[in-house]
PDB file of N, CA and C in Angstrom:
ATOM      1  N   MET A   1     -36.503 -14.362 -25.439  1.00  0.00           N
ATOM      2  CA  MET A   1     -35.237 -13.680 -25.558  1.00  0.00           C
ATOM      3  C   MET A   1     -34.191 -14.656 -26.081  1.00  0.00           C
ATOM      4  N   SER A   2     -33.378 -14.178 -26.984  1.00  0.00           N
ATOM      5  CA  SER A   2     -32.360 -15.069 -27.529  1.00  0.00           C
ATOM      6  C   SER A   2     -31.146 -15.110 -26.595  1.00  0.00           C
ATOM      7  N   ALA A   3     -30.361 -16.126 -26.764  1.00  0.00           N
ATOM      8  CA  ALA A   3     -29.169 -16.303 -25.927  1.00  0.00           C
ATOM      9  C   ALA A   3     -28.170 -15.178 -26.154  1.00  0.00           C
ATOM     10  N   HIS A   4     -28.133 -14.658 -27.391  1.00  0.00           N
ATOM     11  CA  HIS A   4     -27.199 -13.584 -27.707  1.00  0.00           C
ATOM     12  C   HIS A   4     -27.548 -12.308 -26.921  1.00  0.00           C
ATOM     13  N   VAL A   5     -28.809 -11.977 -26.818  1.00  0.00           N
ATOM     14  CA  VAL A   5     -29.249 -10.790 -26.088  1.00  0.00           C
ATOM     15  C   VAL A   5     -28.946 -10.940 -24.596  1.00  0.00           C
ATOM     16  N   VAL A   6     -29.221 -12.120 -24.057  1.00  0.00           N
ATOM     17  CA  VAL A   6     -28.957 -12.368 -22.640  1.00  0.00           C
ATOM     18  C   VAL A   6     -27.461 -12.277 -22.357  1.00  0.00           C
ATOM     19  N   THR A   7     -26.652 -12.845 -23.226  1.00  0.00           N
ATOM     20  CA  THR A   7     -25.200 -12.806 -23.054  1.00  0.00           C
ATOM     21  C   THR A   7     -24.694 -11.367 -23.112  1.00  0.00           C
ATOM     22  N   SER A   8     -25.169 -10.599 -24.082  1.00  0.00           N
ATOM     23  CA  SER A   8     -24.763  -9.193 -24.194  1.00  0.00           C
ATOM     24  C   SER A   8     -25.170  -8.412 -22.951  1.00  0.00           C
ATOM     25  N   TYR A   9     -26.368  -8.663 -22.455  1.00  0.00           N
ATOM     26  CA  TYR A   9     -26.858  -7.995 -21.253  1.00  0.00           C
ATOM     27  C   TYR A   9     -25.974  -8.326 -20.052  1.00  0.00           C
ATOM     28  N   LEU A  10     -25.628  -9.587 -19.878  1.00  0.00           N
ATOM     29  CA  LEU A  10     -24.798 -10.001 -18.746  1.00  0.00           C
ATOM     30  C   LEU A  10     -23.385  -9.428 -18.843  1.00  0.00           C
ATOM     31  N   ILE A  11     -22.841  -9.376 -20.048  1.00  0.00           N
ATOM     32  CA  ILE A  11     -21.506  -8.792 -20.229  1.00  0.00           C
ATOM     33  C   ILE A  11     -21.538  -7.301 -19.891  1.00  0.00           C
ATOM     34  N   GLY A  12     -22.557  -6.598 -20.351  1.00  0.00           N
ATOM     35  CA  GLY A  12     -22.693  -5.174 -20.037  1.00  0.00           C
ATOM     36  C   GLY A  12     -22.870  -4.942 -18.551  1.00  0.00           C
ATOM     37  N   LEU A  13     -23.702  -5.754 -17.925  1.00  0.00           N
ATOM     38  CA  LEU A  13     -23.929  -5.635 -16.486  1.00  0.00           C
ATOM     39  C   LEU A  13     -22.645  -5.916 -15.704  1.00  0.00           C
ATOM     40  N   GLY A  14     -21.893  -6.912 -16.139  1.00  0.00           N
ATOM     41  CA  GLY A  14     -20.619  -7.229 -15.491  1.00  0.00           C
ATOM     42  C   GLY A  14     -19.603  -6.110 -15.649  1.00  0.00           C
ATOM     43  N   THR A  15     -19.574  -5.487 -16.830  1.00  0.00           N
ATOM     44  CA  THR A  15     -18.657  -4.375 -17.082  1.00  0.00           C
ATOM     45  C   THR A  15     -18.981  -3.187 -16.181  1.00  0.00           C
ATOM     46  N   VAL A  16     -20.256  -2.865 -16.070  1.00  0.00           N
ATOM     47  CA  VAL A  16     -20.672  -1.766 -15.195  1.00  0.00           C
ATOM     48  C   VAL A  16     -20.332  -2.093 -13.742  1.00  0.00           C
ATOM     49  N   GLY A  17     -20.545  -3.331 -13.333  1.00  0.00           N
ATOM     50  CA  GLY A  17     -20.212  -3.745 -11.971  1.00  0.00           C
ATOM     51  C   GLY A  17     -18.723  -3.627 -11.687  1.00  0.00           C
ATOM     52  N   LEU A  18     -17.888  -4.037 -12.646  1.00  0.00           N
ATOM     53  CA  LEU A  18     -16.436  -3.916 -12.468  1.00  0.00           C
ATOM     54  C   LEU A  18     -16.003  -2.455 -12.408  1.00  0.00           C
ATOM     55  N   ALA A  19     -16.618  -1.614 -13.237  1.00  0.00           N
ATOM     56  CA  ALA A  19     -16.285  -0.186 -13.209  1.00  0.00           C
ATOM     57  C   ALA A  19     -16.655   0.426 -11.859  1.00  0.00           C
ATOM     58  N   LEU A  20     -17.825   0.087 -11.344  1.00  0.00           N
ATOM     59  CA  LEU A  20     -18.235   0.602 -10.036  1.00  0.00           C
ATOM     60  C   LEU A  20     -17.302   0.114  -8.930  1.00  0.00           C
ATOM     61  N   ALA A  21     -16.905  -1.148  -8.993  1.00  0.00           N
ATOM     62  CA  ALA A  21     -15.978  -1.687  -7.993  1.00  0.00           C
ATOM     63  C   ALA A  21     -14.624  -0.981  -8.069  1.00  0.00           C
ATOM     64  N   ALA A  22     -14.161  -0.690  -9.296  1.00  0.00           N
ATOM     65  CA  ALA A  22     -12.886   0.014  -9.456  1.00  0.00           C
ATOM     66  C   ALA A  22     -12.968   1.432  -8.899  1.00  0.00           C
ATOM     67  N   PHE A  23     -14.063   2.139  -9.181  1.00  0.00           N
ATOM     68  CA  PHE A  23     -14.233   3.488  -8.644  1.00  0.00           C
ATOM     69  C   PHE A  23     -14.313   3.468  -7.122  1.00  0.00           C
ATOM     70  N   TYR A  24     -14.973   2.480  -6.569  1.00  0.00           N
ATOM     71  CA  TYR A  24     -15.077   2.351  -5.115  1.00  0.00           C
ATOM     72  C   TYR A  24     -13.687   2.129  -4.502  1.00  0.00           C
ATOM     73  N   ALA A  25     -12.900   1.243  -5.109  1.00  0.00           N
ATOM     74  CA  ALA A  25     -11.553   0.970  -4.602  1.00  0.00           C
ATOM     75  C   ALA A  25     -10.666   2.208  -4.708  1.00  0.00           C
ATOM     76  N   MET A  26     -10.795   2.954  -5.804  1.00  0.00           N
ATOM     77  CA  MET A  26     -10.001   4.170  -5.961  1.00  0.00           C
ATOM     78  C   MET A  26     -10.396   5.226  -4.935  1.00  0.00           C
ATOM     79  N   ALA A  27     -11.679   5.351  -4.671  1.00  0.00           N
ATOM     80  CA  ALA A  27     -12.138   6.329  -3.680  1.00  0.00           C
ATOM     81  C   ALA A  27     -11.618   5.980  -2.293  1.00  0.00           C
ATOM     82  N   ARG A  28     -11.642   4.709  -1.949  1.00  0.00           N
ATOM     83  CA  ARG A  28     -11.119   4.295  -0.641  1.00  0.00           C
ATOM     84  C   ARG A  28      -9.614   4.519  -0.566  1.00  0.00           C
ATOM     85  N   GLY A  29      -8.901   4.236  -1.646  1.00  0.00           N
ATOM     86  CA  GLY A  29      -7.460   4.467  -1.679  1.00  0.00           C
ATOM     87  C   GLY A  29      -7.115   5.938  -1.585  1.00  0.00           C
ATOM     88  N   TRP A  30      -7.885   6.783  -2.268  1.00  0.00           N
ATOM     89  CA  TRP A  30      -7.638   8.222  -2.204  1.00  0.00           C
ATOM     90  C   TRP A  30      -7.878   8.742  -0.795  1.00  0.00           C
ATOM     91  N   LYS A  31      -8.952   8.265  -0.175  1.00  0.00           N
ATOM     92  CA  LYS A  31      -9.280   8.718   1.177  1.00  0.00           C
ATOM     93  C   LYS A  31      -8.192   8.310   2.174  1.00  0.00           C
ATOM     94  N   SER A  32      -7.616   7.133   1.992  1.00  0.00           N
ATOM     95  CA  SER A  32      -6.587   6.669   2.925  1.00  0.00           C
ATOM     96  C   SER A  32      -5.206   7.243   2.613  1.00  0.00           C
ATOM     97  N   GLY A  33      -5.064   7.933   1.490  1.00  0.00           N
ATOM     98  CA  GLY A  33      -3.794   8.569   1.165  1.00  0.00           C
ATOM     99  C   GLY A  33      -2.866   7.744   0.304  1.00  0.00           C
ATOM    100  N   ARG A  34      -3.306   6.621  -0.199  1.00  0.00           N
ATOM    101  CA  ARG A  34      -2.431   5.770  -1.008  1.00  0.00           C
ATOM    102  C   ARG A  34      -2.066   6.394  -2.347  1.00  0.00           C
ATOM    103  N   PHE A  35      -2.927   7.228  -2.895  1.00  0.00           N
ATOM    104  CA  PHE A  35      -2.680   7.783  -4.219  1.00  0.00           C
ATOM    105  C   PHE A  35      -2.128   9.202  -4.178  1.00  0.00           C
ATOM    106  N   ARG A  36      -1.829   9.707  -3.018  1.00  0.00           N
ATOM    107  CA  ARG A  36      -1.300  11.061  -2.920  1.00  0.00           C
ATOM    108  C   ARG A  36       0.188  11.067  -3.235  1.00  0.00           C
ATOM    109  N   VAL A  37       0.646  12.158  -3.775  1.00  0.00           N
ATOM    110  CA  VAL A  37       2.058  12.289  -4.123  1.00  0.00           C
ATOM    111  C   VAL A  37       2.861  12.481  -2.844  1.00  0.00           C
ATOM    112  N   THR A  38       3.928  11.713  -2.710  1.00  0.00           N
ATOM    113  CA  THR A  38       4.775  11.862  -1.530  1.00  0.00           C
ATOM    114  C   THR A  38       5.616  13.125  -1.665  1.00  0.00           C
ATOM    115  N   SER A  39       6.032  13.648  -0.558  1.00  0.00           N
ATOM    116  CA  SER A  39       6.763  14.914  -0.558  1.00  0.00           C
ATOM    117  C   SER A  39       8.272  14.712  -0.442  1.00  0.00           C
ATOM    118  N   GLN A  40       8.779  13.534  -0.746  1.00  0.00           N
ATOM    119  CA  GLN A  40      10.213  13.283  -0.618  1.00  0.00           C
ATOM    120  C   GLN A  40      11.024  14.162  -1.564  1.00  0.00           C
ATOM    121  N   LYS A  41      10.513  14.476  -2.744  1.00  0.00           N
ATOM    122  CA  LYS A  41      11.270  15.243  -3.721  1.00  0.00           C
ATOM    123  C   LYS A  41      11.003  16.739  -3.620  1.00  0.00           C
ATOM    124  N   ARG A  42      10.151  17.131  -2.717  1.00  0.00           N
ATOM    125  CA  ARG A  42       9.844  18.541  -2.552  1.00  0.00           C
ATOM    126  C   ARG A  42      10.815  19.159  -1.558  1.00  0.00           C
ATOM    127  N   LEU A  43      11.129  20.427  -1.741  1.00  0.00           N
ATOM    128  CA  LEU A  43      12.064  21.115  -0.859  1.00  0.00           C
ATOM    129  C   LEU A  43      11.427  21.432   0.490  1.00  0.00           C
ATOM    130  N   ILE A  44      10.153  21.822   0.480  1.00  0.00           N
ATOM    131  CA  ILE A  44       9.440  22.169   1.713  1.00  0.00           C
ATOM    132  C   ILE A  44       8.239  21.252   1.851  1.00  0.00           C
ATOM    133  N   ALA A  45       8.064  20.663   3.051  1.00  0.00           N
ATOM    134  CA  ALA A  45       6.925  19.768   3.278  1.00  0.00           C
ATOM    135  C   ALA A  45       6.520  19.813   4.744  1.00  0.00           C
ATOM    136  N   VAL A  46       5.227  19.705   4.990  1.00  0.00           N
ATOM    137  CA  VAL A  46       4.714  19.577   6.351  1.00  0.00           C
ATOM    138  C   VAL A  46       4.738  18.094   6.688  1.00  0.00           C
ATOM    139  N   VAL A  47       5.541  17.721   7.668  1.00  0.00           N
ATOM    140  CA  VAL A  47       5.708  16.318   8.045  1.00  0.00           C
ATOM    141  C   VAL A  47       4.561  15.856   8.930  1.00  0.00           C
ATOM    142  N   GLU A  48       4.201  16.681   9.904  1.00  0.00           N
ATOM    143  CA  GLU A  48       3.151  16.327  10.870  1.00  0.00           C
ATOM    144  C   GLU A  48       2.465  17.613  11.296  1.00  0.00           C
ATOM    145  N   SER A  49       1.196  17.507  11.605  1.00  0.00           N
ATOM    146  CA  SER A  49       0.431  18.671  12.022  1.00  0.00           C
ATOM    147  C   SER A  49      -0.539  18.263  13.122  1.00  0.00           C
ATOM    148  N   ALA A  50      -0.666  19.122  14.131  1.00  0.00           N
ATOM    149  CA  ALA A  50      -1.600  18.851  15.230  1.00  0.00           C
ATOM    150  C   ALA A  50      -2.247  20.164  15.660  1.00  0.00           C
ATOM    151  N   ALA A  51      -3.566  20.132  15.801  1.00  0.00           N
ATOM    152  CA  ALA A  51      -4.293  21.314  16.262  1.00  0.00           C
ATOM    153  C   ALA A  51      -4.224  21.373  17.782  1.00  0.00           C
ATOM    154  N   LEU A  52      -3.711  22.469  18.303  1.00  0.00           N
ATOM    155  CA  LEU A  52      -3.649  22.653  19.752  1.00  0.00           C
ATOM    156  C   LEU A  52      -4.954  23.238  20.276  1.00  0.00           C
ATOM    157  N   THR A  53      -5.508  24.166  19.538  1.00  0.00           N
ATOM    158  CA  THR A  53      -6.833  24.739  19.798  1.00  0.00           C
ATOM    159  C   THR A  53      -7.493  24.897  18.428  1.00  0.00           C
ATOM    160  N   PRO A  54      -8.743  25.303  18.363  1.00  0.00           N
ATOM    161  CA  PRO A  54      -9.353  25.501  17.044  1.00  0.00           C
ATOM    162  C   PRO A  54      -8.630  26.537  16.178  1.00  0.00           C
ATOM    163  N   ASN A  55      -7.866  27.428  16.795  1.00  0.00           N
ATOM    164  CA  ASN A  55      -7.197  28.485  16.035  1.00  0.00           C
ATOM    165  C   ASN A  55      -5.679  28.387  16.016  1.00  0.00           C
ATOM    166  N   VAL A  56      -5.097  27.405  16.696  1.00  0.00           N
ATOM    167  CA  VAL A  56      -3.636  27.287  16.781  1.00  0.00           C
ATOM    168  C   VAL A  56      -3.220  25.888  16.354  1.00  0.00           C
ATOM    169  N   VAL A  57      -2.197  25.843  15.487  1.00  0.00           N
ATOM    170  CA  VAL A  57      -1.711  24.559  14.994  1.00  0.00           C
ATOM    171  C   VAL A  57      -0.202  24.464  15.240  1.00  0.00           C
ATOM    172  N   LEU A  58       0.253  23.271  15.571  1.00  0.00           N
ATOM    173  CA  LEU A  58       1.674  22.979  15.734  1.00  0.00           C
ATOM    174  C   LEU A  58       2.064  22.054  14.592  1.00  0.00           C
ATOM    175  N   GLN A  59       3.138  22.412  13.868  1.00  0.00           N
ATOM    176  CA  GLN A  59       3.552  21.614  12.721  1.00  0.00           C
ATOM    177  C   GLN A  59       5.039  21.318  12.776  1.00  0.00           C
ATOM    178  N   ILE A  60       5.395  20.149  12.275  1.00  0.00           N
ATOM    179  CA  ILE A  60       6.790  19.808  12.022  1.00  0.00           C
ATOM    180  C   ILE A  60       6.980  20.016  10.526  1.00  0.00           C
ATOM    181  N   VAL A  61       7.900  20.907  10.168  1.00  0.00           N
ATOM    182  CA  VAL A  61       8.109  21.280   8.771  1.00  0.00           C
ATOM    183  C   VAL A  61       9.517  20.881   8.367  1.00  0.00           C
ATOM    184  N   ARG A  62       9.629  20.241   7.190  1.00  0.00           N
ATOM    185  CA  ARG A  62      10.944  19.900   6.642  1.00  0.00           C
ATOM    186  C   ARG A  62      11.271  20.908   5.553  1.00  0.00           C
ATOM    187  N   ILE A  63      12.431  21.549   5.678  1.00  0.00           N
ATOM    188  CA  ILE A  63      12.935  22.458   4.655  1.00  0.00           C
ATOM    189  C   ILE A  63      14.307  21.934   4.268  1.00  0.00           C
ATOM    190  N   GLY A  64      14.397  21.369   3.096  1.00  0.00           N
ATOM    191  CA  GLY A  64      15.634  20.716   2.673  1.00  0.00           C
ATOM    192  C   GLY A  64      15.861  19.477   3.516  1.00  0.00           C
ATOM    193  N   THR A  65      16.939  19.484   4.286  1.00  0.00           N
ATOM    194  CA  THR A  65      17.234  18.351   5.171  1.00  0.00           C
ATOM    195  C   THR A  65      17.037  18.711   6.636  1.00  0.00           C
ATOM    196  N   ARG A  66      16.542  19.907   6.912  1.00  0.00           N
ATOM    197  CA  ARG A  66      16.351  20.357   8.289  1.00  0.00           C
ATOM    198  C   ARG A  66      14.873  20.319   8.668  1.00  0.00           C
ATOM    199  N   TYR A  67      14.642  20.123   9.950  1.00  0.00           N
ATOM    200  CA  TYR A  67      13.276  20.049  10.478  1.00  0.00           C
ATOM    201  C   TYR A  67      13.065  21.151  11.510  1.00  0.00           C
ATOM    202  N   TYR A  68      11.874  21.752  11.477  1.00  0.00           N
ATOM    203  CA  TYR A  68      11.542  22.836  12.395  1.00  0.00           C
ATOM    204  C   TYR A  68      10.180  22.580  13.024  1.00  0.00           C
ATOM    205  N   ALA A  69      10.048  22.974  14.292  1.00  0.00           N
ATOM    206  CA  ALA A  69       8.742  22.995  14.949  1.00  0.00           C
ATOM    207  C   ALA A  69       8.194  24.406  14.749  1.00  0.00           C
ATOM    208  N   VAL A  70       6.994  24.479  14.174  1.00  0.00           N
ATOM    209  CA  VAL A  70       6.394  25.767  13.830  1.00  0.00           C
ATOM    210  C   VAL A  70       5.004  25.833  14.434  1.00  0.00           C
ATOM    211  N   ALA A  71       4.690  26.968  15.054  1.00  0.00           N
ATOM    212  CA  ALA A  71       3.341  27.199  15.573  1.00  0.00           C
ATOM    213  C   ALA A  71       2.698  28.288  14.727  1.00  0.00           C
ATOM    214  N   GLY A  72       1.420  28.104  14.430  1.00  0.00           N
ATOM    215  CA  GLY A  72       0.744  29.092  13.607  1.00  0.00           C
ATOM    216  C   GLY A  72      -0.679  29.320  14.060  1.00  0.00           C
ATOM    217  N   SER A  73      -1.122  30.550  13.879  1.00  0.00           N
ATOM    218  CA  SER A  73      -2.514  30.907  14.147  1.00  0.00           C
ATOM    219  C   SER A  73      -2.995  31.732  12.961  1.00  0.00           C
ATOM    220  N   ALA A  74      -4.170  32.304  13.073  1.00  0.00           N
ATOM    221  CA  ALA A  74      -4.720  33.075  11.967  1.00  0.00           C
ATOM    222  C   ALA A  74      -3.866  34.298  11.642  1.00  0.00           C
ATOM    223  N   ASN A  75      -3.226  34.887  12.642  1.00  0.00           N
ATOM    224  CA  ASN A  75      -2.491  36.132  12.430  1.00  0.00           C
ATOM    225  C   ASN A  75      -0.994  36.041  12.687  1.00  0.00           C
ATOM    226  N   HIS A  76      -0.484  34.868  13.062  1.00  0.00           N
ATOM    227  CA  HIS A  76       0.913  34.795  13.465  1.00  0.00           C
ATOM    228  C   HIS A  76       1.485  33.408  13.173  1.00  0.00           C
ATOM    229  N   VAL A  77       2.752  33.389  12.769  1.00  0.00           N
ATOM    230  CA  VAL A  77       3.501  32.144  12.590  1.00  0.00           C
ATOM    231  C   VAL A  77       4.830  32.321  13.309  1.00  0.00           C
ATOM    232  N   ALA A  78       5.228  31.307  14.087  1.00  0.00           N
ATOM    233  CA  ALA A  78       6.486  31.392  14.832  1.00  0.00           C
ATOM    234  C   ALA A  78       7.249  30.084  14.700  1.00  0.00           C
ATOM    235  N   VAL A  79       8.548  30.200  14.423  1.00  0.00           N
ATOM    236  CA  VAL A  79       9.427  29.034  14.431  1.00  0.00           C
ATOM    237  C   VAL A  79       9.847  28.822  15.875  1.00  0.00           C
ATOM    238  N   LEU A  80       9.477  27.681  16.437  1.00  0.00           N
ATOM    239  CA  LEU A  80       9.767  27.411  17.844  1.00  0.00           C
ATOM    240  C   LEU A  80      11.198  26.939  18.044  1.00  0.00           C
ATOM    241  N   CYS A  81      11.633  25.982  17.211  1.00  0.00           N
ATOM    242  CA  CYS A  81      12.997  25.482  17.328  1.00  0.00           C
ATOM    243  C   CYS A  81      13.318  24.610  16.124  1.00  0.00           C
ATOM    244  N   GLU A  82      14.617  24.355  15.939  1.00  0.00           N
ATOM    245  CA  GLU A  82      15.038  23.389  14.929  1.00  0.00           C
ATOM    246  C   GLU A  82      15.133  22.038  15.613  1.00  0.00           C
ATOM    247  N   LEU A  83      14.656  21.006  14.942  1.00  0.00           N
ATOM    248  CA  LEU A  83      14.669  19.658  15.506  1.00  0.00           C
ATOM    249  C   LEU A  83      15.769  18.832  14.856  1.00  0.00           C
ATOM    250  N   PRO A  84      16.490  18.029  15.626  1.00  0.00           N
ATOM    251  CA  PRO A  84      17.484  17.136  15.032  1.00  0.00           C
ATOM    252  C   PRO A  84      16.807  16.117  14.116  1.00  0.00           C
ATOM    253  N   ALA A  85      17.386  15.906  12.951  1.00  0.00           N
ATOM    254  CA  ALA A  85      16.812  14.952  11.998  1.00  0.00           C
ATOM    255  C   ALA A  85      16.741  13.553  12.594  1.00  0.00           C
ATOM    256  N   ALA A  86      17.667  13.222  13.480  1.00  0.00           N
ATOM    257  CA  ALA A  86      17.662  11.898  14.114  1.00  0.00           C
ATOM    258  C   ALA A  86      16.416  11.686  14.965  1.00  0.00           C
ATOM    259  N   ASP A  87      15.852  12.770  15.498  1.00  0.00           N
ATOM    260  CA  ASP A  87      14.631  12.646  16.299  1.00  0.00           C
ATOM    261  C   ASP A  87      13.383  12.529  15.436  1.00  0.00           C
ATOM    262  N   VAL A  88      13.414  13.106  14.244  1.00  0.00           N
ATOM    263  CA  VAL A  88      12.231  13.128  13.381  1.00  0.00           C
ATOM    264  C   VAL A  88      12.183  11.916  12.461  1.00  0.00           C
ATOM    265  N   GLU A  89      13.295  11.527  11.876  1.00  0.00           N
ATOM    266  CA  GLU A  89      13.321  10.440  10.887  1.00  0.00           C
ATOM    267  C   GLU A  89      12.781   9.112  11.410  1.00  0.00           C
ATOM    268  N   PRO A  90      13.144   8.642  12.630  1.00  0.00           N
ATOM    269  CA  PRO A  90      12.583   7.361  13.092  1.00  0.00           C
ATOM    270  C   PRO A  90      11.064   7.400  13.242  1.00  0.00           C
ATOM    271  N   ALA A  91      10.515   8.547  13.599  1.00  0.00           N
ATOM    272  CA  ALA A  91       9.064   8.667  13.762  1.00  0.00           C
ATOM    273  C   ALA A  91       8.347   8.616  12.427  1.00  0.00           C
ATOM    274  N   ARG A  92       9.018   8.976  11.345  1.00  0.00           N
ATOM    275  CA  ARG A  92       8.403   8.968  10.017  1.00  0.00           C
ATOM    276  C   ARG A  92       8.363   7.573   9.421  1.00  0.00           C
ATOM    277  N   SER A  93       9.170   6.669   9.887  1.00  0.00           N
ATOM    278  CA  SER A  93       9.247   5.315   9.303  1.00  0.00           C
ATOM    279  C   SER A  93       8.068   4.468   9.670  1.00  0.00           C
TER     280      SER A  93
END
């Protein structure tokens, strides 16, 4: 085998290895949420969500500059109360 063939093979192998490493890093970043679009510029956003039972969820929802505690199930959604922004903002930091 000539040196040129070996060099070309190693460069190709290195390129494929770098591409695989980049895809792996992107997949890990996507899974952890680093590449997701933040909701700061959106008018409505779910700030936090917690499942109370398999069919009932409690969510903190931001609409504009106001925050609401909302409970939802398969057939019903209820606004529980409005939350002071001072109570929600420190928890988001």
